[in-house]
Structures are given as C-alpha cells and as structure tokens.
Amino acid sequence: MTTRSAPLTALSTDPTGETSGLGLPPGSLVTRTSDGPRHEPLLWVSDGAATPGTWARYRSALDAVGFRIVLLQDESGIEEWWDGGLDPGLVSDPGDHRAEDVLRGLWESAVADVEAHQDEEDAAEAIAPFTGRRPGLAPAGGVPADPDATAADVSDGLIGAWLESPRLALVPVGRAADLPAAIGWSGPVGHESDVSRLCAVLRSWEERFGARVVALSHARLDLSVAAPPRTPDEALAVAAEHFAFCPDNVLQGYDSLRLYAEQALPGNAHWTFWWD
C-alpha cells in the first residue's frame, strides 16, 4: 500500500502550508526508508502539542488539500514509534479484505484463546450470549450526528485528558479508516500482524457507525463514533465485533461481552482500543 506523498512533498518547501492556506504550526516530516524511494515523506507531525480546537481549526482546509488529521500520542517521552517505527511496506491494502471475513477469523482465534485459559463455565460466560460461532455484522447505527463534528468533539475531549500532550499529524490518505495502514502502524501486531485487515473493519465501522480514526499511540487506537448503539441490546452485536477486533479491550476491563455491551457502548461516541 502506498500513500499519496505529493501534499507532504509540498510541505518540505512550505512547512506551514501558507501557499495552500493551511497556516500550520511548526512541524516536521517523518520519512519512510525501508520500502519505496528512500526518504519518501510519510506524514507530517507538529513540533508542539495539539490544543483543543485543533481538529475543527484545520479539518476543512486539510481535506481540500488531501490530508487526514490524526493525533499521535508520545507515551514514553521518545518519538521512536513514529520516527522509524512505521512501515507501510509491511502491510497489504485494506481493499483486499472483507470486514466480515476478518472479524470471523479474529473471533474464532479469540474464543479459542479464552477457552484455552479458562474453564468451560467461565469461558462460556465471558462470551455469552454468543457461543463459539461468531454472529453476523451488527446492524448500522441510527441517524448519525455529523461524523466530522463528532471527531472534533472527541479529539478535544482526548487532549489533556485521555492523551497527554498529543501531536497533530497529517497523513495523505483518502479516508480516515485507511490511516493506520497508510502509515504502517504496528500497534496491534501481537494480535494482528497486518493492520490493513483491521482497517477493513474500520471501513465497515465508518460506513455503519460514522466512525473516524482520531488518535493513535504505540498500542492504542481512538475512534469517534457518530452513530453508536443506543441500548445494551443493540450494543451486544457491536461488542462481539470489538471482542474480535481487540479481546484485551473487553476481557481485561469488563470480564464479559455482556458487561462490556451494557457499560461501555450505549450512546458512547468514543471507542478506544488497546493491545497488551
């Protein structure tokens, strides 16, 4: 999978994007070296921390130029994970995968892992009311709020609260769901080695629930959701998809799919995932 690097190349000679009307804060390009032309620009990252209002301030102009916004969290005080730790050459194309097929395979693997580490009764309770066979895709959410406005609101809530001093990053990619693959993000590598397969699921969530990728860290993904499930019953099928997508998210925080569906999902415009 390759990114469209022309907008980034322009920033190498016009670092604040003044000629494109962007008025960006000081920042720098992150390059890729392991695949493709050496020093091909991969993304732009601000030198300083993003502030509330950043998403809304830049979104329209950046969309026109061909960028997608994402917040990058520097968890450990170093930048190694985004400066030398990103490799798009290691992933496929999200369009090569079907969300339902990806979720089916991940569900079966996650259920097998639960059954291997818990007794039969506890394993059954963990994934109840489902059995080892994964349900189909959850129905689409109701009438969504504006997905971009929701993304702006969620990103503002993340800055300084869930994420401490995140950086603004710009990625030349057509849709937000493809952003992790476009930069070769490896956060879920212990669960899924090809992040493009997870991006196929993100595409489906984008279409069904108005989801947008708003933040990435070394092993964490934050989404805004314009049309989340509204009731625990609606949330159950979504919870099953989350369990397949990121089992740690469910079992290390809620013990069971049912609790996760009841407590974490109804009406929640912010979905977060982390891989241990």
C-alpha atoms as a PDB file:
ATOM      1  CA  MET A   1       0.000   0.000   0.000  1.00  0.00           C
ATOM      2  CA  THR A   2       1.353   3.443  -0.850  1.00  0.00           C
ATOM      3  CA  THR A   3       0.454   6.927   0.309  1.00  0.00           C
ATOM      4  CA  ARG A   4      -0.079   9.920  -1.930  1.00  0.00           C
ATOM      5  CA  SER A   5       3.018  11.871  -0.915  1.00  0.00           C
ATOM      6  CA  ALA A   6       2.645  14.986  -3.111  1.00  0.00           C
ATOM      7  CA  PRO A   7       0.946  17.109  -0.392  1.00  0.00           C
ATOM      8  CA  LEU A   8       3.750  16.154   2.030  1.00  0.00           C
ATOM      9  CA  THR A   9       6.441  16.961  -0.516  1.00  0.00           C
ATOM     10  CA  ALA A  10       4.933  20.441  -0.788  1.00  0.00           C
ATOM     11  CA  LEU A  11       5.336  20.887   2.978  1.00  0.00           C
ATOM     12  CA  SER A  12       9.070  20.196   2.670  1.00  0.00           C
ATOM     13  CA  THR A  13       9.471  23.597   0.994  1.00  0.00           C
ATOM     14  CA  ASP A  14       6.461  25.297   2.598  1.00  0.00           C
ATOM     15  CA  PRO A  15       6.473  23.847   6.151  1.00  0.00           C
ATOM     16  CA  THR A  16       3.483  25.800   7.447  1.00  0.00           C
ATOM     17  CA  GLY A  17       1.392  25.296   4.295  1.00  0.00           C
ATOM     18  CA  GLU A  18       0.901  29.018   3.791  1.00  0.00           C
ATOM     19  CA  THR A  19       0.623  28.736  -0.002  1.00  0.00           C
ATOM     20  CA  SER A  20      -2.238  26.241   0.477  1.00  0.00           C
ATOM     21  CA  GLY A  21      -3.937  28.402   3.085  1.00  0.00           C
ATOM     22  CA  LEU A  22      -3.241  25.947   5.922  1.00  0.00           C
ATOM     23  CA  GLY A  23      -1.334  28.110   8.398  1.00  0.00           C
ATOM     24  CA  LEU A  24       0.091  25.112  10.239  1.00  0.00           C
ATOM     25  CA  PRO A  25       2.095  25.352  13.451  1.00  0.00           C
ATOM     26  CA  PRO A  26       5.816  24.461  13.327  1.00  0.00           C
ATOM     27  CA  GLY A  27       6.335  20.804  12.427  1.00  0.00           C
ATOM     28  CA  SER A  28       8.426  18.329  10.501  1.00  0.00           C
ATOM     29  CA  LEU A  29       8.102  15.451   8.054  1.00  0.00           C
ATOM     30  CA  VAL A  30       8.514  11.811   9.047  1.00  0.00           C
ATOM     31  CA  THR A  31      10.036   9.787   6.240  1.00  0.00           C
ATOM     32  CA  ARG A  32       9.962   6.123   5.258  1.00  0.00           C
ATOM     33  CA  THR A  33      13.188   4.363   4.336  1.00  0.00           C
ATOM     34  CA  SER A  34      12.557   0.626   4.415  1.00  0.00           C
ATOM     35  CA  ASP A  35      10.236   0.483   1.411  1.00  0.00           C
ATOM     36  CA  GLY A  36       9.892   2.622  -1.662  1.00  0.00           C
ATOM     37  CA  PRO A  37      12.058   5.613  -2.527  1.00  0.00           C
ATOM     38  CA  ARG A  38      14.445   6.493   0.236  1.00  0.00           C
ATOM     39  CA  HIS A  39      13.261   9.405   2.360  1.00  0.00           C
ATOM     40  CA  GLU A  40       9.779   9.419   0.835  1.00  0.00           C
ATOM     41  CA  PRO A  41       7.601  11.591   3.114  1.00  0.00           C
ATOM     42  CA  LEU A  42       5.141   9.552   5.147  1.00  0.00           C
ATOM     43  CA  LEU A  43       3.401  12.075   7.401  1.00  0.00           C
ATOM     44  CA  TRP A  44       3.804  15.499   8.947  1.00  0.00           C
ATOM     45  CA  VAL A  45       3.896  15.922  12.752  1.00  0.00           C
ATOM     46  CA  SER A  46       3.666  19.159  14.727  1.00  0.00           C
ATOM     47  CA  ASP A  47       6.621  20.060  16.931  1.00  0.00           C
ATOM     48  CA  GLY A  48       4.386  21.084  19.815  1.00  0.00           C
ATOM     49  CA  ALA A  49       1.327  19.615  21.492  1.00  0.00           C
ATOM     50  CA  ALA A  50      -2.105  19.907  19.927  1.00  0.00           C
ATOM     51  CA  THR A  51      -4.655  22.030  21.762  1.00  0.00           C
ATOM     52  CA  PRO A  52      -8.464  21.823  21.971  1.00  0.00           C
ATOM     53  CA  GLY A  53      -9.984  23.158  18.785  1.00  0.00           C
ATOM     54  CA  THR A  54      -7.128  21.874  16.611  1.00  0.00           C
ATOM     55  CA  TRP A  55      -9.300  19.391  14.720  1.00  0.00           C
ATOM     56  CA  ALA A  56     -12.026  21.890  13.903  1.00  0.00           C
ATOM     57  CA  ARG A  57      -9.486  24.591  13.040  1.00  0.00           C
ATOM     58  CA  TYR A  58      -7.715  22.644  10.308  1.00  0.00           C
ATOM     59  CA  ARG A  59     -10.120  19.969   9.075  1.00  0.00           C
ATOM     60  CA  SER A  60     -11.789  21.720   6.132  1.00  0.00           C
ATOM     61  CA  ALA A  61      -8.590  23.136   4.666  1.00  0.00           C
ATOM     62  CA  LEU A  62      -6.717  19.874   5.127  1.00  0.00           C
ATOM     63  CA  ASP A  63      -9.465  17.822   3.465  1.00  0.00           C
ATOM     64  CA  ALA A  64      -9.266  20.120   0.453  1.00  0.00           C
ATOM     65  CA  VAL A  65      -5.527  19.558   0.131  1.00  0.00           C
ATOM     66  CA  GLY A  66      -5.797  15.792   0.589  1.00  0.00           C
ATOM     67  CA  PHE A  67      -4.790  15.254   4.232  1.00  0.00           C
ATOM     68  CA  ARG A  68      -6.459  13.405   7.079  1.00  0.00           C
ATOM     69  CA  ILE A  69      -5.859  14.534  10.658  1.00  0.00           C
ATOM     70  CA  VAL A  70      -4.844  12.217  13.497  1.00  0.00           C
ATOM     71  CA  LEU A  71      -3.454  12.846  16.969  1.00  0.00           C
ATOM     72  CA  LEU A  72      -0.255  10.967  17.817  1.00  0.00           C
ATOM     73  CA  GLN A  73       0.456  10.327  21.478  1.00  0.00           C
ATOM     74  CA  ASP A  74       4.083  10.090  22.566  1.00  0.00           C
ATOM     75  CA  GLU A  75       3.570   7.801  25.568  1.00  0.00           C
ATOM     76  CA  SER A  76       7.163   7.265  26.655  1.00  0.00           C
ATOM     77  CA  GLY A  77       8.714  10.660  26.021  1.00  0.00           C
ATOM     78  CA  ILE A  78      10.504   9.472  22.872  1.00  0.00           C
ATOM     79  CA  GLU A  79       9.394   9.522  19.264  1.00  0.00           C
ATOM     80  CA  GLU A  80      10.794   6.194  18.108  1.00  0.00           C
ATOM     81  CA  TRP A  81       7.437   4.620  17.333  1.00  0.00           C
ATOM     82  CA  TRP A  82       6.540   7.209  14.723  1.00  0.00           C
ATOM     83  CA  ASP A  83      10.067   8.167  13.608  1.00  0.00           C
ATOM     84  CA  GLY A  84      11.496   4.888  12.338  1.00  0.00           C
ATOM     85  CA  GLY A  85       8.793   2.616  13.750  1.00  0.00           C
ATOM     86  CA  LEU A  86       6.267   2.966  10.927  1.00  0.00           C
ATOM     87  CA  ASP A  87       6.489   0.761   7.847  1.00  0.00           C
ATOM     88  CA  PRO A  88       3.742   0.759   5.183  1.00  0.00           C
ATOM     89  CA  GLY A  89       5.788  -1.779   3.249  1.00  0.00           C
ATOM     90  CA  LEU A  90       4.764  -4.471   5.739  1.00  0.00           C
ATOM     91  CA  VAL A  91       1.009  -4.194   5.195  1.00  0.00           C
ATOM     92  CA  SER A  92      -1.417  -5.056   2.423  1.00  0.00           C
ATOM     93  CA  ASP A  93      -4.268  -2.904   1.089  1.00  0.00           C
ATOM     94  CA  PRO A  94      -7.473  -2.595   3.165  1.00  0.00           C
ATOM     95  CA  GLY A  95      -9.467  -3.090  -0.027  1.00  0.00           C
ATOM     96  CA  ASP A  96      -8.104  -6.621  -0.296  1.00  0.00           C
ATOM     97  CA  HIS A  97     -10.083  -7.731   2.772  1.00  0.00           C
ATOM     98  CA  ARG A  98     -13.730  -8.091   3.765  1.00  0.00           C
ATOM     99  CA  ALA A  99     -14.647  -6.904   7.262  1.00  0.00           C
ATOM    100  CA  GLU A 100     -16.890  -9.913   7.921  1.00  0.00           C
ATOM    101  CA  ASP A 101     -14.168 -12.388   6.956  1.00  0.00           C
ATOM    102  CA  VAL A 102     -11.587 -10.590   9.106  1.00  0.00           C
ATOM    103  CA  LEU A 103     -13.894 -10.490  12.117  1.00  0.00           C
ATOM    104  CA  ARG A 104     -14.841 -14.148  11.709  1.00  0.00           C
ATOM    105  CA  GLY A 105     -11.221 -15.264  11.802  1.00  0.00           C
ATOM    106  CA  LEU A 106     -10.312 -12.997  14.701  1.00  0.00           C
ATOM    107  CA  TRP A 107     -13.408 -14.078  16.647  1.00  0.00           C
ATOM    108  CA  GLU A 108     -12.525 -17.748  16.294  1.00  0.00           C
ATOM    109  CA  SER A 109      -8.963 -17.088  17.430  1.00  0.00           C
ATOM    110  CA  ALA A 110     -10.092 -15.004  20.422  1.00  0.00           C
ATOM    111  CA  VAL A 111     -12.662 -17.586  21.513  1.00  0.00           C
ATOM    112  CA  ALA A 112     -10.088 -20.363  21.250  1.00  0.00           C
ATOM    113  CA  ASP A 113      -7.730 -18.350  23.442  1.00  0.00           C
ATOM    114  CA  VAL A 114     -10.420 -17.792  26.078  1.00  0.00           C
ATOM    115  CA  GLU A 115     -11.327 -21.484  26.081  1.00  0.00           C
ATOM    116  CA  ALA A 116      -7.661 -22.418  26.452  1.00  0.00           C
ATOM    117  CA  HIS A 117      -7.157 -20.222  29.523  1.00  0.00           C
ATOM    118  CA  GLN A 118     -10.486 -20.525  31.359  1.00  0.00           C
ATOM    119  CA  ASP A 119     -12.597 -23.422  32.466  1.00  0.00           C
ATOM    120  CA  GLU A 120     -15.611 -24.276  30.366  1.00  0.00           C
ATOM    121  CA  GLU A 121     -18.171 -22.431  32.504  1.00  0.00           C
ATOM    122  CA  ASP A 122     -16.124 -19.214  32.790  1.00  0.00           C
ATOM    123  CA  ALA A 123     -15.312 -19.239  29.075  1.00  0.00           C
ATOM    124  CA  ALA A 124     -18.985 -19.611  28.180  1.00  0.00           C
ATOM    125  CA  GLU A 125     -19.892 -16.718  30.491  1.00  0.00           C
ATOM    126  CA  ALA A 126     -17.172 -14.497  29.046  1.00  0.00           C
ATOM    127  CA  ILE A 127     -18.654 -14.615  25.532  1.00  0.00           C
ATOM    128  CA  ALA A 128     -22.342 -15.054  26.452  1.00  0.00           C
ATOM    129  CA  PRO A 129     -24.890 -14.771  24.942  1.00  0.00           C
ATOM    130  CA  PHE A 130     -22.790 -15.918  21.986  1.00  0.00           C
ATOM    131  CA  THR A 131     -21.216 -19.310  21.523  1.00  0.00           C
ATOM    132  CA  GLY A 132     -18.098 -20.221  19.590  1.00  0.00           C
ATOM    133  CA  ARG A 133     -19.785 -19.279  16.311  1.00  0.00           C
ATOM    134  CA  ARG A 134     -19.489 -15.542  15.619  1.00  0.00           C
ATOM    135  CA  PRO A 135     -22.687 -13.617  14.903  1.00  0.00           C
ATOM    136  CA  GLY A 136     -23.001 -11.645  11.703  1.00  0.00           C
ATOM    137  CA  LEU A 137     -22.193  -7.969  11.379  1.00  0.00           C
ATOM    138  CA  ALA A 138     -24.064  -5.670  13.741  1.00  0.00           C
ATOM    139  CA  PRO A 139     -26.799  -3.544  12.146  1.00  0.00           C
ATOM    140  CA  ALA A 140     -25.883   0.015  11.286  1.00  0.00           C
ATOM    141  CA  GLY A 141     -26.447   2.672  13.909  1.00  0.00           C
ATOM    142  CA  GLY A 142     -29.365   5.088  13.802  1.00  0.00           C
ATOM    143  CA  VAL A 143     -29.369   8.539  12.232  1.00  0.00           C
ATOM    144  CA  PRO A 144     -25.808   9.749  12.806  1.00  0.00           C
ATOM    145  CA  ALA A 145     -24.585  13.053  14.083  1.00  0.00           C
ATOM    146  CA  ASP A 146     -22.134  14.804  11.759  1.00  0.00           C
ATOM    147  CA  PRO A 147     -19.093  12.464  11.716  1.00  0.00           C
ATOM    148  CA  ASP A 148     -16.558  15.279  11.344  1.00  0.00           C
ATOM    149  CA  ALA A 149     -18.127  17.373  14.104  1.00  0.00           C
ATOM    150  CA  THR A 150     -18.157  14.289  16.321  1.00  0.00           C
ATOM    151  CA  ALA A 151     -14.472  13.697  15.531  1.00  0.00           C
ATOM    152  CA  ALA A 152     -13.679  17.282  16.530  1.00  0.00           C
ATOM    153  CA  ASP A 153     -15.580  16.913  19.813  1.00  0.00           C
ATOM    154  CA  VAL A 154     -13.940  13.587  20.676  1.00  0.00           C
ATOM    155  CA  SER A 155     -10.464  14.859  19.845  1.00  0.00           C
ATOM    156  CA  ASP A 156     -10.998  17.891  22.087  1.00  0.00           C
ATOM    157  CA  GLY A 157     -12.026  15.571  24.907  1.00  0.00           C
ATOM    158  CA  LEU A 158      -8.915  13.459  24.413  1.00  0.00           C
ATOM    159  CA  ILE A 159      -6.438  16.334  24.515  1.00  0.00           C
ATOM    160  CA  GLY A 160      -5.078  16.805  28.012  1.00  0.00           C
ATOM    161  CA  ALA A 161      -7.373  14.144  29.473  1.00  0.00           C
ATOM    162  CA  TRP A 162      -7.039  10.679  27.942  1.00  0.00           C
ATOM    163  CA  LEU A 163      -3.988  11.772  25.958  1.00  0.00           C
ATOM    164  CA  GLU A 164      -1.304  13.974  27.469  1.00  0.00           C
ATOM    165  CA  SER A 165       0.294  16.413  25.002  1.00  0.00           C
ATOM    166  CA  PRO A 166      -0.576  14.625  21.735  1.00  0.00           C
ATOM    167  CA  ARG A 167       0.883  15.918  18.478  1.00  0.00           C
ATOM    168  CA  LEU A 168      -1.114  16.929  15.439  1.00  0.00           C
ATOM    169  CA  ALA A 169      -0.268  14.688  12.456  1.00  0.00           C
ATOM    170  CA  LEU A 170      -1.297  14.962   8.812  1.00  0.00           C
ATOM    171  CA  VAL A 171      -1.457  11.915   6.536  1.00  0.00           C
ATOM    172  CA  PRO A 172      -2.173  11.986   2.771  1.00  0.00           C
ATOM    173  CA  VAL A 173      -4.836   9.285   2.604  1.00  0.00           C
ATOM    174  CA  GLY A 174      -8.289   9.166   1.059  1.00  0.00           C
ATOM    175  CA  ARG A 175     -10.296   8.012   4.063  1.00  0.00           C
ATOM    176  CA  ALA A 176      -9.699   8.017   7.809  1.00  0.00           C
ATOM    177  CA  ALA A 177     -10.265   4.272   8.113  1.00  0.00           C
ATOM    178  CA  ASP A 178      -7.165   3.588   5.996  1.00  0.00           C
ATOM    179  CA  LEU A 179      -4.903   5.864   8.014  1.00  0.00           C
ATOM    180  CA  PRO A 180      -3.252   3.168  10.207  1.00  0.00           C
ATOM    181  CA  ALA A 181      -2.305   1.159   7.110  1.00  0.00           C
ATOM    182  CA  ALA A 182      -1.166   4.230   5.199  1.00  0.00           C
ATOM    183  CA  ILE A 183       1.486   4.957   7.825  1.00  0.00           C
ATOM    184  CA  GLY A 184       2.298   1.311   8.573  1.00  0.00           C
ATOM    185  CA  TRP A 185       1.181   1.478  12.219  1.00  0.00           C
ATOM    186  CA  SER A 186       2.055  -1.692  14.145  1.00  0.00           C
ATOM    187  CA  GLY A 187       0.199  -1.159  17.439  1.00  0.00           C
ATOM    188  CA  PRO A 188      -1.902  -4.374  17.237  1.00  0.00           C
ATOM    189  CA  VAL A 189       0.963  -6.526  15.881  1.00  0.00           C
ATOM    190  CA  GLY A 190       0.660  -9.056  18.731  1.00  0.00           C
ATOM    191  CA  HIS A 191      -2.992  -9.609  17.793  1.00  0.00           C
ATOM    192  CA  GLU A 192      -2.959  -8.980  14.038  1.00  0.00           C
ATOM    193  CA  SER A 193       0.273  -8.576  12.084  1.00  0.00           C
ATOM    194  CA  ASP A 194      -1.325  -6.899   9.047  1.00  0.00           C
ATOM    195  CA  VAL A 195      -3.076  -3.743  10.222  1.00  0.00           C
ATOM    196  CA  SER A 196      -4.803  -3.421   6.828  1.00  0.00           C
ATOM    197  CA  ARG A 197      -7.090  -6.266   7.886  1.00  0.00           C
ATOM    198  CA  LEU A 198      -8.193  -4.177  10.861  1.00  0.00           C
ATOM    199  CA  CYS A 199      -8.571  -1.181   8.551  1.00  0.00           C
ATOM    200  CA  ALA A 200     -11.118  -3.219   6.573  1.00  0.00           C
ATOM    201  CA  VAL A 201     -13.126  -3.400   9.797  1.00  0.00           C
ATOM    202  CA  LEU A 202     -12.611   0.333  10.374  1.00  0.00           C
ATOM    203  CA  ARG A 203     -14.007   0.959   6.884  1.00  0.00           C
ATOM    204  CA  SER A 204     -17.104  -1.017   7.808  1.00  0.00           C
ATOM    205  CA  TRP A 205     -17.483   0.886  11.093  1.00  0.00           C
ATOM    206  CA  GLU A 206     -17.029   4.119   9.182  1.00  0.00           C
ATOM    207  CA  GLU A 207     -19.946   3.143   6.956  1.00  0.00           C
ATOM    208  CA  ARG A 208     -22.224   1.657   9.626  1.00  0.00           C
ATOM    209  CA  PHE A 209     -21.499   3.904  12.618  1.00  0.00           C
ATOM    210  CA  GLY A 210     -19.865   7.058  11.248  1.00  0.00           C
ATOM    211  CA  ALA A 211     -16.568   6.139  12.911  1.00  0.00           C
ATOM    212  CA  ARG A 212     -13.379   8.163  12.387  1.00  0.00           C
ATOM    213  CA  VAL A 213      -9.810   7.422  13.472  1.00  0.00           C
ATOM    214  CA  VAL A 214      -8.880  10.352  15.724  1.00  0.00           C
ATOM    215  CA  ALA A 215      -5.800   9.230  17.679  1.00  0.00           C
ATOM    216  CA  LEU A 216      -3.020   6.646  17.672  1.00  0.00           C
ATOM    217  CA  SER A 217      -0.317   5.809  20.164  1.00  0.00           C
ATOM    218  CA  HIS A 218       2.189   2.970  20.325  1.00  0.00           C
ATOM    219  CA  ALA A 219      -0.522   0.363  21.008  1.00  0.00           C
ATOM    220  CA  ARG A 220      -3.767   2.318  21.318  1.00  0.00           C
ATOM    221  CA  LEU A 221      -6.418   3.428  18.835  1.00  0.00           C
ATOM    222  CA  ASP A 222      -9.149   6.011  19.479  1.00  0.00           C
ATOM    223  CA  LEU A 223     -12.226   6.424  17.289  1.00  0.00           C
ATOM    224  CA  SER A 224     -15.050   8.917  17.233  1.00  0.00           C
ATOM    225  CA  VAL A 225     -18.465   7.385  16.541  1.00  0.00           C
ATOM    226  CA  ALA A 226     -21.312   9.467  15.134  1.00  0.00           C
ATOM    227  CA  ALA A 227     -23.981   6.724  15.356  1.00  0.00           C
ATOM    228  CA  PRO A 228     -23.178   4.451  18.325  1.00  0.00           C
ATOM    229  CA  PRO A 229     -25.609   1.789  19.532  1.00  0.00           C
ATOM    230  CA  ARG A 230     -28.165   3.276  21.899  1.00  0.00           C
ATOM    231  CA  THR A 231     -29.234   0.358  24.074  1.00  0.00           C
ATOM    232  CA  PRO A 232     -27.488  -2.669  25.631  1.00  0.00           C
ATOM    233  CA  ASP A 233     -29.408  -4.954  23.280  1.00  0.00           C
ATOM    234  CA  GLU A 234     -28.214  -3.011  20.224  1.00  0.00           C
ATOM    235  CA  ALA A 235     -24.708  -2.962  21.678  1.00  0.00           C
ATOM    236  CA  LEU A 236     -24.329  -6.747  22.043  1.00  0.00           C
ATOM    237  CA  ALA A 237     -23.547  -7.436  18.390  1.00  0.00           C
ATOM    238  CA  VAL A 238     -21.159  -4.462  18.341  1.00  0.00           C
ATOM    239  CA  ALA A 239     -19.481  -5.808  21.483  1.00  0.00           C
ATOM    240  CA  ALA A 240     -18.850  -9.090  19.677  1.00  0.00           C
ATOM    241  CA  GLU A 241     -17.058  -7.190  16.912  1.00  0.00           C
ATOM    242  CA  HIS A 242     -14.986  -5.288  19.477  1.00  0.00           C
ATOM    243  CA  PHE A 243     -14.045  -8.567  21.155  1.00  0.00           C
ATOM    244  CA  ALA A 244     -12.756  -9.951  17.864  1.00  0.00           C
ATOM    245  CA  PHE A 245     -11.021  -6.679  16.999  1.00  0.00           C
ATOM    246  CA  CYS A 246      -9.342  -6.286  20.401  1.00  0.00           C
ATOM    247  CA  PRO A 247     -10.001  -9.013  23.020  1.00  0.00           C
ATOM    248  CA  ASP A 248      -7.941  -7.264  25.732  1.00  0.00           C
ATOM    249  CA  ASN A 249     -10.253  -4.291  25.492  1.00  0.00           C
ATOM    250  CA  VAL A 250     -13.184  -6.407  26.657  1.00  0.00           C
ATOM    251  CA  LEU A 251     -11.828  -9.125  28.921  1.00  0.00           C
ATOM    252  CA  GLN A 252      -9.243  -7.104  30.833  1.00  0.00           C
ATOM    253  CA  GLY A 253     -11.697  -4.347  31.631  1.00  0.00           C
ATOM    254  CA  TYR A 254     -15.160  -5.896  31.819  1.00  0.00           C
ATOM    255  CA  ASP A 255     -14.724  -9.684  32.207  1.00  0.00           C
ATOM    256  CA  SER A 256     -17.539 -10.447  29.760  1.00  0.00           C
ATOM    257  CA  LEU A 257     -19.081  -9.305  26.500  1.00  0.00           C
ATOM    258  CA  ARG A 258     -22.414  -8.708  28.207  1.00  0.00           C
ATOM    259  CA  LEU A 259     -20.940  -6.281  30.747  1.00  0.00           C
ATOM    260  CA  TYR A 260     -18.988  -4.511  28.028  1.00  0.00           C
ATOM    261  CA  ALA A 261     -22.133  -4.086  25.944  1.00  0.00           C
ATOM    262  CA  GLU A 262     -24.049  -2.726  28.934  1.00  0.00           C
ATOM    263  CA  GLN A 263     -21.419  -0.388  30.355  1.00  0.00           C
ATOM    264  CA  ALA A 264     -19.064   0.722  27.579  1.00  0.00           C
ATOM    265  CA  LEU A 265     -21.081   1.143  24.386  1.00  0.00           C
ATOM    266  CA  PRO A 266     -24.629   2.586  24.596  1.00  0.00           C
ATOM    267  CA  GLY A 267     -24.573   6.185  23.422  1.00  0.00           C
ATOM    268  CA  ASN A 268     -20.779   6.370  23.618  1.00  0.00           C
ATOM    269  CA  ALA A 269     -19.270   8.486  20.815  1.00  0.00           C
ATOM    270  CA  HIS A 270     -15.718   7.466  21.765  1.00  0.00           C
ATOM    271  CA  TRP A 271     -14.401   3.939  21.202  1.00  0.00           C
ATOM    272  CA  THR A 272     -10.903   3.189  22.395  1.00  0.00           C
ATOM    273  CA  PHE A 273      -8.843   0.019  21.869  1.00  0.00           C
ATOM    274  CA  TRP A 274      -5.539  -1.070  23.350  1.00  0.00           C
ATOM    275  CA  TRP A 275      -3.435  -4.138  22.750  1.00  0.00           C
ATOM    276  CA  ASP A 276      -1.410  -5.627  25.592  1.00  0.00           C
END
